[in-house]
Amino acid sequence: IGLFRQGAKAPLAWRTAMLVAIPQSPEVRRPDRSADAAH
């Protein structure tokens, strides 16, 4: 909701992959703050 403005029900594959990747380094990989690292 906070990052993509939608609930977690059936997100697109790229959003799911992003949600998997962010917790490994949350402050560095937040797409709203560091899009390149998140991508």
PDB file of all heavy atoms in Angstrom:
ATOM      1  N   ILE A   1       0.835  -1.205   0.000  1.00  0.00           N
ATOM      2  CA  ILE A   1       0.000   0.000   0.000  1.00  0.00           C
ATOM      3  C   ILE A   1       0.869   1.254   0.000  1.00  0.00           C
ATOM      4  O   ILE A   1       0.637   2.181  -0.776  1.00  0.00           O
ATOM      5  CB  ILE A   1      -0.963  -0.011   1.209  1.00  0.00           C
ATOM      6  CG1 ILE A   1      -2.000  -1.124   1.040  1.00  0.00           C
ATOM      7  CG2 ILE A   1      -1.645   1.340   1.376  1.00  0.00           C
ATOM      8  CD1 ILE A   1      -2.814  -1.417   2.280  1.00  0.00           C
ATOM      9  N   GLY A   2       1.882   1.269   0.855  1.00  0.00           N
ATOM     10  CA  GLY A   2       2.732   2.452   0.977  1.00  0.00           C
ATOM     11  C   GLY A   2       3.588   2.729  -0.244  1.00  0.00           C
ATOM     12  O   GLY A   2       3.789   3.887  -0.614  1.00  0.00           O
ATOM     13  N   LEU A   3       4.093   1.685  -0.878  1.00  0.00           N
ATOM     14  CA  LEU A   3       4.994   1.871  -2.009  1.00  0.00           C
ATOM     15  C   LEU A   3       4.294   1.868  -3.363  1.00  0.00           C
ATOM     16  O   LEU A   3       4.712   2.564  -4.288  1.00  0.00           O
ATOM     17  CB  LEU A   3       6.076   0.788  -2.003  1.00  0.00           C
ATOM     18  CG  LEU A   3       6.997   0.776  -0.782  1.00  0.00           C
ATOM     19  CD1 LEU A   3       7.895  -0.446  -0.807  1.00  0.00           C
ATOM     20  CD2 LEU A   3       7.822   2.060  -0.723  1.00  0.00           C
ATOM     21  N   PHE A   4       3.243   1.062  -3.490  1.00  0.00           N
ATOM     22  CA  PHE A   4       2.586   0.906  -4.793  1.00  0.00           C
ATOM     23  C   PHE A   4       1.145   1.393  -4.816  1.00  0.00           C
ATOM     24  O   PHE A   4       0.468   1.304  -5.822  1.00  0.00           O
ATOM     25  CB  PHE A   4       2.625  -0.566  -5.219  1.00  0.00           C
ATOM     26  CG  PHE A   4       3.994  -1.165  -5.195  1.00  0.00           C
ATOM     27  CD1 PHE A   4       4.249  -2.307  -4.464  1.00  0.00           C
ATOM     28  CD2 PHE A   4       5.041  -0.581  -5.886  1.00  0.00           C
ATOM     29  CE1 PHE A   4       5.515  -2.868  -4.430  1.00  0.00           C
ATOM     30  CE2 PHE A   4       6.312  -1.134  -5.859  1.00  0.00           C
ATOM     31  CZ  PHE A   4       6.543  -2.278  -5.132  1.00  0.00           C
ATOM     32  N   ARG A   5       0.665   1.876  -3.667  1.00  0.00           N
ATOM     33  CA  ARG A   5      -0.707   2.390  -3.550  1.00  0.00           C
ATOM     34  C   ARG A   5      -1.762   1.342  -3.882  1.00  0.00           C
ATOM     35  O   ARG A   5      -2.797   1.638  -4.439  1.00  0.00           O
ATOM     36  CB  ARG A   5      -0.929   3.631  -4.423  1.00  0.00           C
ATOM     37  CG  ARG A   5       0.069   4.737  -4.201  1.00  0.00           C
ATOM     38  CD  ARG A   5      -0.161   5.391  -2.851  1.00  0.00           C
ATOM     39  NE  ARG A   5       0.745   6.517  -2.677  1.00  0.00           N
ATOM     40  CZ  ARG A   5       1.698   6.558  -1.758  1.00  0.00           C
ATOM     41  NH1 ARG A   5       1.875   5.558  -0.949  1.00  0.00           N
ATOM     42  NH2 ARG A   5       2.481   7.595  -1.639  1.00  0.00           N
ATOM     43  N   GLN A   6      -1.450   0.093  -3.548  1.00  0.00           N
ATOM     44  CA  GLN A   6      -2.432  -0.973  -3.727  1.00  0.00           C
ATOM     45  C   GLN A   6      -2.163  -2.064  -2.714  1.00  0.00           C
ATOM     46  O   GLN A   6      -1.054  -2.175  -2.212  1.00  0.00           O
ATOM     47  CB  GLN A   6      -2.396  -1.541  -5.128  1.00  0.00           C
ATOM     48  CG  GLN A   6      -1.172  -2.377  -5.444  1.00  0.00           C
ATOM     49  CD  GLN A   6      -1.306  -3.085  -6.771  1.00  0.00           C
ATOM     50  OE1 GLN A   6      -1.857  -2.527  -7.697  1.00  0.00           O
ATOM     51  NE2 GLN A   6      -0.813  -4.280  -6.853  1.00  0.00           N
ATOM     52  N   GLY A   7      -3.172  -2.861  -2.436  1.00  0.00           N
ATOM     53  CA  GLY A   7      -3.007  -3.955  -1.492  1.00  0.00           C
ATOM     54  C   GLY A   7      -2.122  -5.044  -2.067  1.00  0.00           C
ATOM     55  O   GLY A   7      -1.726  -5.007  -3.229  1.00  0.00           O
ATOM     56  N   ALA A   8      -1.830  -6.045  -1.250  1.00  0.00           N
ATOM     57  CA  ALA A   8      -0.910  -7.108  -1.650  1.00  0.00           C
ATOM     58  C   ALA A   8      -1.606  -8.248  -2.387  1.00  0.00           C
ATOM     59  O   ALA A   8      -0.978  -9.212  -2.748  1.00  0.00           O
ATOM     60  CB  ALA A   8      -0.202  -7.652  -0.419  1.00  0.00           C
ATOM     61  N   LYS A   9      -2.873  -8.142  -2.635  1.00  0.00           N
ATOM     62  CA  LYS A   9      -3.575  -9.222  -3.321  1.00  0.00           C
ATOM     63  C   LYS A   9      -3.207  -9.237  -4.793  1.00  0.00           C
ATOM     64  O   LYS A   9      -3.360  -8.246  -5.503  1.00  0.00           O
ATOM     65  CB  LYS A   9      -5.086  -9.058  -3.168  1.00  0.00           C
ATOM     66  CG  LYS A   9      -5.523  -9.122  -1.736  1.00  0.00           C
ATOM     67  CD  LYS A   9      -6.760  -9.919  -1.598  1.00  0.00           C
ATOM     68  CE  LYS A   9      -7.181  -9.848  -0.157  1.00  0.00           C
ATOM     69  NZ  LYS A   9      -7.489 -11.033   0.449  1.00  0.00           N
ATOM     70  N   ALA A  10      -2.695 -10.354  -5.243  1.00  0.00           N
ATOM     71  CA  ALA A  10      -2.333 -10.602  -6.643  1.00  0.00           C
ATOM     72  C   ALA A  10      -1.535  -9.468  -7.284  1.00  0.00           C
ATOM     73  O   ALA A  10      -1.913  -8.942  -8.321  1.00  0.00           O
ATOM     74  CB  ALA A  10      -3.593 -10.893  -7.460  1.00  0.00           C
ATOM     75  N   PRO A  11      -0.404  -9.085  -6.687  1.00  0.00           N
ATOM     76  CA  PRO A  11       0.402  -8.048  -7.317  1.00  0.00           C
ATOM     77  C   PRO A  11       1.099  -8.580  -8.560  1.00  0.00           C
ATOM     78  O   PRO A  11       1.237  -9.782  -8.744  1.00  0.00           O
ATOM     79  CB  PRO A  11       1.427  -7.686  -6.236  1.00  0.00           C
ATOM     80  CG  PRO A  11       1.530  -8.910  -5.398  1.00  0.00           C
ATOM     81  CD  PRO A  11       0.174  -9.562  -5.441  1.00  0.00           C
ATOM     82  N   LEU A  12       1.509  -7.679  -9.421  1.00  0.00           N
ATOM     83  CA  LEU A  12       2.248  -8.057 -10.616  1.00  0.00           C
ATOM     84  C   LEU A  12       3.580  -8.684 -10.222  1.00  0.00           C
ATOM     85  O   LEU A  12       4.089  -8.449  -9.128  1.00  0.00           O
ATOM     86  CB  LEU A  12       2.500  -6.821 -11.478  1.00  0.00           C
ATOM     87  CG  LEU A  12       1.252  -6.082 -11.971  1.00  0.00           C
ATOM     88  CD1 LEU A  12       1.648  -4.785 -12.652  1.00  0.00           C
ATOM     89  CD2 LEU A  12       0.453  -6.967 -12.921  1.00  0.00           C
ATOM     90  N   ALA A  13       4.170  -9.452 -11.143  1.00  0.00           N
ATOM     91  CA  ALA A  13       5.416 -10.162 -10.853  1.00  0.00           C
ATOM     92  C   ALA A  13       6.527  -9.206 -10.430  1.00  0.00           C
ATOM     93  O   ALA A  13       7.263  -9.479  -9.484  1.00  0.00           O
ATOM     94  CB  ALA A  13       5.852 -10.986 -12.058  1.00  0.00           C
ATOM     95  N   TRP A  14       6.658  -8.056 -11.090  1.00  0.00           N
ATOM     96  CA  TRP A  14       7.739  -7.128 -10.738  1.00  0.00           C
ATOM     97  C   TRP A  14       7.527  -6.540  -9.350  1.00  0.00           C
ATOM     98  O   TRP A  14       8.475  -6.323  -8.607  1.00  0.00           O
ATOM     99  CB  TRP A  14       7.932  -6.038 -11.793  1.00  0.00           C
ATOM    100  CG  TRP A  14       6.854  -5.003 -11.863  1.00  0.00           C
ATOM    101  CD1 TRP A  14       5.754  -5.014 -12.667  1.00  0.00           C
ATOM    102  CD2 TRP A  14       6.779  -3.791 -11.101  1.00  0.00           C
ATOM    103  NE1 TRP A  14       5.000  -3.895 -12.447  1.00  0.00           N
ATOM    104  CE2 TRP A  14       5.603  -3.115 -11.488  1.00  0.00           C
ATOM    105  CE3 TRP A  14       7.588  -3.215 -10.135  1.00  0.00           C
ATOM    106  CZ2 TRP A  14       5.216  -1.900 -10.948  1.00  0.00           C
ATOM    107  CZ3 TRP A  14       7.196  -1.994  -9.582  1.00  0.00           C
ATOM    108  CH2 TRP A  14       6.025  -1.352  -9.992  1.00  0.00           C
ATOM    109  N   ARG A  15       6.266  -6.317  -8.961  1.00  0.00           N
ATOM    110  CA  ARG A  15       5.995  -5.809  -7.614  1.00  0.00           C
ATOM    111  C   ARG A  15       6.290  -6.874  -6.565  1.00  0.00           C
ATOM    112  O   ARG A  15       6.845  -6.583  -5.504  1.00  0.00           O
ATOM    113  CB  ARG A  15       4.551  -5.339  -7.491  1.00  0.00           C
ATOM    114  CG  ARG A  15       4.294  -4.047  -8.221  1.00  0.00           C
ATOM    115  CD  ARG A  15       2.900  -3.517  -7.916  1.00  0.00           C
ATOM    116  NE  ARG A  15       2.660  -2.322  -8.681  1.00  0.00           N
ATOM    117  CZ  ARG A  15       1.577  -2.098  -9.410  1.00  0.00           C
ATOM    118  NH1 ARG A  15       0.618  -2.992  -9.464  1.00  0.00           N
ATOM    119  NH2 ARG A  15       1.435  -0.975 -10.077  1.00  0.00           N
ATOM    120  N   THR A  16       5.909  -8.110  -6.866  1.00  0.00           N
ATOM    121  CA  THR A  16       6.193  -9.213  -5.952  1.00  0.00           C
ATOM    122  C   THR A  16       7.696  -9.348  -5.755  1.00  0.00           C
ATOM    123  O   THR A  16       8.174  -9.493  -4.635  1.00  0.00           O
ATOM    124  CB  THR A  16       5.609 -10.524  -6.496  1.00  0.00           C
ATOM    125  OG1 THR A  16       4.196 -10.368  -6.668  1.00  0.00           O
ATOM    126  CG2 THR A  16       5.876 -11.680  -5.551  1.00  0.00           C
ATOM    127  N   ALA A  17       8.450  -9.299  -6.851  1.00  0.00           N
ATOM    128  CA  ALA A  17       9.911  -9.395  -6.764  1.00  0.00           C
ATOM    129  C   ALA A  17      10.485  -8.243  -5.940  1.00  0.00           C
ATOM    130  O   ALA A  17      11.420  -8.421  -5.154  1.00  0.00           O
ATOM    131  CB  ALA A  17      10.521  -9.421  -8.155  1.00  0.00           C
ATOM    132  N   MET A  18       9.931  -7.062  -6.098  1.00  0.00           N
ATOM    133  CA  MET A  18      10.386  -5.907  -5.316  1.00  0.00           C
ATOM    134  C   MET A  18      10.104  -6.130  -3.830  1.00  0.00           C
ATOM    135  O   MET A  18      10.954  -5.855  -2.980  1.00  0.00           O
ATOM    136  CB  MET A  18       9.683  -4.638  -5.804  1.00  0.00           C
ATOM    137  CG  MET A  18      10.180  -3.375  -5.168  1.00  0.00           C
ATOM    138  SD  MET A  18      11.739  -2.801  -5.850  1.00  0.00           S
ATOM    139  CE  MET A  18      11.213  -2.163  -7.422  1.00  0.00           C
ATOM    140  N   LEU A  19       8.919  -6.667  -3.509  1.00  0.00           N
ATOM    141  CA  LEU A  19       8.563  -6.925  -2.110  1.00  0.00           C
ATOM    142  C   LEU A  19       9.441  -8.016  -1.497  1.00  0.00           C
ATOM    143  O   LEU A  19       9.662  -8.028  -0.282  1.00  0.00           O
ATOM    144  CB  LEU A  19       7.081  -7.299  -2.003  1.00  0.00           C
ATOM    145  CG  LEU A  19       6.102  -6.165  -2.320  1.00  0.00           C
ATOM    146  CD1 LEU A  19       4.682  -6.695  -2.418  1.00  0.00           C
ATOM    147  CD2 LEU A  19       6.202  -5.043  -1.296  1.00  0.00           C
ATOM    148  N   VAL A  20       9.962  -8.914  -2.321  1.00  0.00           N
ATOM    149  CA  VAL A  20      10.899  -9.931  -1.840  1.00  0.00           C
ATOM    150  C   VAL A  20      12.268  -9.312  -1.576  1.00  0.00           C
ATOM    151  O   VAL A  20      12.937  -9.634  -0.602  1.00  0.00           O
ATOM    152  CB  VAL A  20      11.017 -11.082  -2.868  1.00  0.00           C
ATOM    153  CG1 VAL A  20      12.189 -11.996  -2.562  1.00  0.00           C
ATOM    154  CG2 VAL A  20       9.724 -11.878  -2.923  1.00  0.00           C
ATOM    155  N   ALA A  21      12.694  -8.414  -2.443  1.00  0.00           N
ATOM    156  CA  ALA A  21      14.054  -7.863  -2.385  1.00  0.00           C
ATOM    157  C   ALA A  21      14.252  -6.813  -1.286  1.00  0.00           C
ATOM    158  O   ALA A  21      15.318  -6.745  -0.686  1.00  0.00           O
ATOM    159  CB  ALA A  21      14.422  -7.254  -3.736  1.00  0.00           C
ATOM    160  N   ILE A  22      13.264  -6.005  -1.026  1.00  0.00           N
ATOM    161  CA  ILE A  22      13.440  -4.862  -0.126  1.00  0.00           C
ATOM    162  C   ILE A  22      13.844  -5.244   1.298  1.00  0.00           C
ATOM    163  O   ILE A  22      14.757  -4.631   1.847  1.00  0.00           O
ATOM    164  CB  ILE A  22      12.181  -3.965  -0.121  1.00  0.00           C
ATOM    165  CG1 ILE A  22      12.023  -3.295  -1.483  1.00  0.00           C
ATOM    166  CG2 ILE A  22      12.272  -2.907   0.981  1.00  0.00           C
ATOM    167  CD1 ILE A  22      10.723  -2.531  -1.643  1.00  0.00           C
ATOM    168  N   PRO A  23      13.231  -6.259   1.954  1.00  0.00           N
ATOM    169  CA  PRO A  23      13.581  -6.525   3.352  1.00  0.00           C
ATOM    170  C   PRO A  23      15.046  -6.898   3.585  1.00  0.00           C
ATOM    171  O   PRO A  23      15.540  -6.781   4.699  1.00  0.00           O
ATOM    172  CB  PRO A  23      12.672  -7.693   3.739  1.00  0.00           C
ATOM    173  CG  PRO A  23      11.513  -7.582   2.832  1.00  0.00           C
ATOM    174  CD  PRO A  23      12.085  -7.063   1.539  1.00  0.00           C
ATOM    175  N   GLN A  24      15.751  -7.329   2.558  1.00  0.00           N
ATOM    176  CA  GLN A  24      17.161  -7.672   2.731  1.00  0.00           C
ATOM    177  C   GLN A  24      17.997  -6.437   3.069  1.00  0.00           C
ATOM    178  O   GLN A  24      19.038  -6.540   3.703  1.00  0.00           O
ATOM    179  CB  GLN A  24      17.689  -8.357   1.479  1.00  0.00           C
ATOM    180  CG  GLN A  24      17.003  -9.681   1.225  1.00  0.00           C
ATOM    181  CD  GLN A  24      17.303 -10.229  -0.158  1.00  0.00           C
ATOM    182  OE1 GLN A  24      18.048  -9.637  -0.926  1.00  0.00           O
ATOM    183  NE2 GLN A  24      16.705 -11.355  -0.465  1.00  0.00           N
ATOM    184  N   SER A  25      17.555  -5.281   2.633  1.00  0.00           N
ATOM    185  CA  SER A  25      18.235  -4.020   2.934  1.00  0.00           C
ATOM    186  C   SER A  25      17.221  -2.890   2.755  1.00  0.00           C
ATOM    187  O   SER A  25      17.254  -2.145   1.777  1.00  0.00           O
ATOM    188  CB  SER A  25      19.432  -3.840   1.990  1.00  0.00           C
ATOM    189  OG  SER A  25      20.187  -2.745   2.379  1.00  0.00           O
ATOM    190  N   PRO A  26      16.275  -2.771   3.688  1.00  0.00           N
ATOM    191  CA  PRO A  26      15.118  -1.905   3.493  1.00  0.00           C
ATOM    192  C   PRO A  26      15.410  -0.431   3.223  1.00  0.00           C
ATOM    193  O   PRO A  26      14.764   0.168   2.365  1.00  0.00           O
ATOM    194  CB  PRO A  26      14.307  -2.063   4.768  1.00  0.00           C
ATOM    195  CG  PRO A  26      15.017  -2.984   5.647  1.00  0.00           C
ATOM    196  CD  PRO A  26      16.234  -3.471   4.956  1.00  0.00           C
ATOM    197  N   GLU A  27      16.336   0.151   3.922  1.00  0.00           N
ATOM    198  CA  GLU A  27      16.590   1.581   3.722  1.00  0.00           C
ATOM    199  C   GLU A  27      17.312   1.859   2.408  1.00  0.00           C
ATOM    200  O   GLU A  27      17.123   2.896   1.794  1.00  0.00           O
ATOM    201  CB  GLU A  27      17.362   2.165   4.901  1.00  0.00           C
ATOM    202  CG  GLU A  27      16.541   2.278   6.170  1.00  0.00           C
ATOM    203  CD  GLU A  27      15.290   3.147   6.028  1.00  0.00           C
ATOM    204  OE1 GLU A  27      15.322   4.160   5.290  1.00  0.00           O
ATOM    205  OE2 GLU A  27      14.279   2.810   6.659  1.00  0.00           O
ATOM    206  N   VAL A  28      18.140   0.915   1.975  1.00  0.00           N
ATOM    207  CA  VAL A  28      18.906   1.102   0.745  1.00  0.00           C
ATOM    208  C   VAL A  28      18.063   0.805  -0.491  1.00  0.00           C
ATOM    209  O   VAL A  28      18.260   1.414  -1.546  1.00  0.00           O
ATOM    210  CB  VAL A  28      20.160   0.188   0.761  1.00  0.00           C
ATOM    211  CG1 VAL A  28      20.896   0.227  -0.561  1.00  0.00           C
ATOM    212  CG2 VAL A  28      21.079   0.598   1.887  1.00  0.00           C
ATOM    213  N   ARG A  29      17.104  -0.110  -0.382  1.00  0.00           N
ATOM    214  CA  ARG A  29      16.365  -0.586  -1.552  1.00  0.00           C
ATOM    215  C   ARG A  29      14.951  -0.030  -1.688  1.00  0.00           C
ATOM    216  O   ARG A  29      14.185  -0.520  -2.513  1.00  0.00           O
ATOM    217  CB  ARG A  29      16.297  -2.112  -1.507  1.00  0.00           C
ATOM    218  CG  ARG A  29      17.652  -2.737  -1.666  1.00  0.00           C
ATOM    219  CD  ARG A  29      17.569  -4.225  -1.625  1.00  0.00           C
ATOM    220  NE  ARG A  29      18.867  -4.817  -1.874  1.00  0.00           N
ATOM    221  CZ  ARG A  29      19.106  -6.104  -1.797  1.00  0.00           C
ATOM    222  NH1 ARG A  29      18.147  -6.937  -1.468  1.00  0.00           N
ATOM    223  NH2 ARG A  29      20.309  -6.561  -2.044  1.00  0.00           N
ATOM    224  N   ARG A  30      14.610   0.954  -0.912  1.00  0.00           N
ATOM    225  CA  ARG A  30      13.263   1.524  -1.042  1.00  0.00           C
ATOM    226  C   ARG A  30      13.115   2.211  -2.395  1.00  0.00           C
ATOM    227  O   ARG A  30      13.889   3.107  -2.728  1.00  0.00           O
ATOM    228  CB  ARG A  30      12.995   2.526   0.073  1.00  0.00           C
ATOM    229  CG  ARG A  30      12.614   1.843   1.368  1.00  0.00           C
ATOM    230  CD  ARG A  30      12.188   2.803   2.398  1.00  0.00           C
ATOM    231  NE  ARG A  30      11.044   3.599   1.967  1.00  0.00           N
ATOM    232  CZ  ARG A  30      10.433   4.464   2.753  1.00  0.00           C
ATOM    233  NH1 ARG A  30      10.838   4.644   3.969  1.00  0.00           N
ATOM    234  NH2 ARG A  30       9.426   5.158   2.299  1.00  0.00           N
ATOM    235  N   PRO A  31      12.134   1.810  -3.195  1.00  0.00           N
ATOM    236  CA  PRO A  31      12.000   2.389  -4.535  1.00  0.00           C
ATOM    237  C   PRO A  31      11.664   3.879  -4.532  1.00  0.00           C
ATOM    238  O   PRO A  31      11.992   4.583  -5.483  1.00  0.00           O
ATOM    239  CB  PRO A  31      10.873   1.573  -5.178  1.00  0.00           C
ATOM    240  CG  PRO A  31      10.196   0.870  -4.072  1.00  0.00           C
ATOM    241  CD  PRO A  31      11.154   0.771  -2.939  1.00  0.00           C
ATOM    242  N   ASP A  32      11.070   4.369  -3.462  1.00  0.00           N
ATOM    243  CA  ASP A  32      10.741   5.790  -3.403  1.00  0.00           C
ATOM    244  C   ASP A  32      11.948   6.647  -3.040  1.00  0.00           C
ATOM    245  O   ASP A  32      11.921   7.862  -3.212  1.00  0.00           O
ATOM    246  CB  ASP A  32       9.589   6.048  -2.427  1.00  0.00           C
ATOM    247  CG  ASP A  32       9.877   5.565  -1.013  1.00  0.00           C
ATOM    248  OD1 ASP A  32      10.728   4.665  -0.844  1.00  0.00           O
ATOM    249  OD2 ASP A  32       9.241   6.065  -0.077  1.00  0.00           O
ATOM    250  N   ARG A  33      13.025   6.019  -2.566  1.00  0.00           N
ATOM    251  CA  ARG A  33      14.222   6.766  -2.189  1.00  0.00           C
ATOM    252  C   ARG A  33      15.438   6.434  -3.047  1.00  0.00           C
ATOM    253  O   ARG A  33      16.316   7.265  -3.218  1.00  0.00           O
ATOM    254  CB  ARG A  33      14.567   6.494  -0.728  1.00  0.00           C
ATOM    255  CG  ARG A  33      13.516   7.041   0.202  1.00  0.00           C
ATOM    256  CD  ARG A  33      13.971   6.951   1.619  1.00  0.00           C
ATOM    257  NE  ARG A  33      12.925   7.478   2.490  1.00  0.00           N
ATOM    258  CZ  ARG A  33      12.813   7.168   3.748  1.00  0.00           C
ATOM    259  NH1 ARG A  33      13.677   6.360   4.317  1.00  0.00           N
ATOM    260  NH2 ARG A  33      11.849   7.682   4.469  1.00  0.00           N
ATOM    261  N   SER A  34      15.514   5.219  -3.529  1.00  0.00           N
ATOM    262  CA  SER A  34      16.659   4.787  -4.326  1.00  0.00           C
ATOM    263  C   SER A  34      16.171   3.819  -5.403  1.00  0.00           C
ATOM    264  O   SER A  34      16.336   2.603  -5.292  1.00  0.00           O
ATOM    265  CB  SER A  34      17.705   4.122  -3.433  1.00  0.00           C
ATOM    266  OG  SER A  34      18.811   3.751  -4.196  1.00  0.00           O
ATOM    267  N   ALA A  35      15.578   4.383  -6.425  1.00  0.00           N
ATOM    268  CA  ALA A  35      14.956   3.575  -7.472  1.00  0.00           C
ATOM    269  C   ALA A  35      15.952   2.635  -8.144  1.00  0.00           C
ATOM    270  O   ALA A  35      15.635   1.474  -8.410  1.00  0.00           O
ATOM    271  CB  ALA A  35      14.284   4.467  -8.504  1.00  0.00           C
ATOM    272  N   ASP A  36      17.154   3.101  -8.419  1.00  0.00           N
ATOM    273  CA  ASP A  36      18.141   2.258  -9.102  1.00  0.00           C
ATOM    274  C   ASP A  36      18.488   1.022  -8.277  1.00  0.00           C
ATOM    275  O   ASP A  36      18.507  -0.097  -8.799  1.00  0.00           O
ATOM    276  CB  ASP A  36      19.415   3.049  -9.417  1.00  0.00           C
ATOM    277  CG  ASP A  36      19.215   4.062 -10.527  1.00  0.00           C
ATOM    278  OD1 ASP A  36      18.221   3.937 -11.278  1.00  0.00           O
ATOM    279  OD2 ASP A  36      20.048   4.979 -10.638  1.00  0.00           O
ATOM    280  N   ALA A  37      18.774   1.203  -7.001  1.00  0.00           N
ATOM    281  CA  ALA A  37      19.114   0.071  -6.138  1.00  0.00           C
ATOM    282  C   ALA A  37      17.928  -0.886  -6.016  1.00  0.00           C
ATOM    283  O   ALA A  37      18.104  -2.109  -6.047  1.00  0.00           O
ATOM    284  CB  ALA A  37      19.540   0.553  -4.759  1.00  0.00           C
ATOM    285  N   ALA A  38      16.732  -0.347  -5.902  1.00  0.00           N
ATOM    286  CA  ALA A  38      15.536  -1.179  -5.800  1.00  0.00           C
ATOM    287  C   ALA A  38      15.327  -1.986  -7.071  1.00  0.00           C
ATOM    288  O   ALA A  38      15.033  -3.184  -7.018  1.00  0.00           O
ATOM    289  CB  ALA A  38      14.315  -0.308  -5.515  1.00  0.00           C
ATOM    290  N   HIS A  39      15.499  -1.351  -8.212  1.00  0.00           N
ATOM    291  CA  HIS A  39      15.299  -2.049  -9.487  1.00  0.00           C
ATOM    292  C   HIS A  39      16.361  -3.128  -9.718  1.00  0.00           C
ATOM    293  O   HIS A  39      16.051  -4.206 -10.228  1.00  0.00           O
ATOM    294  CB  HIS A  39      15.258  -1.054 -10.637  1.00  0.00           C
ATOM    295  CG  HIS A  39      14.053  -0.169 -10.582  1.00  0.00           C
ATOM    296  ND1 HIS A  39      14.009   1.065 -11.172  1.00  0.00           N
ATOM    297  CD2 HIS A  39      12.839  -0.327  -9.976  1.00  0.00           C
ATOM    298  CE1 HIS A  39      12.829   1.622 -10.949  1.00  0.00           C
ATOM    299  NE2 HIS A  39      12.118   0.792 -10.213  1.00  0.00           N
TER     300      HIS A  39
END
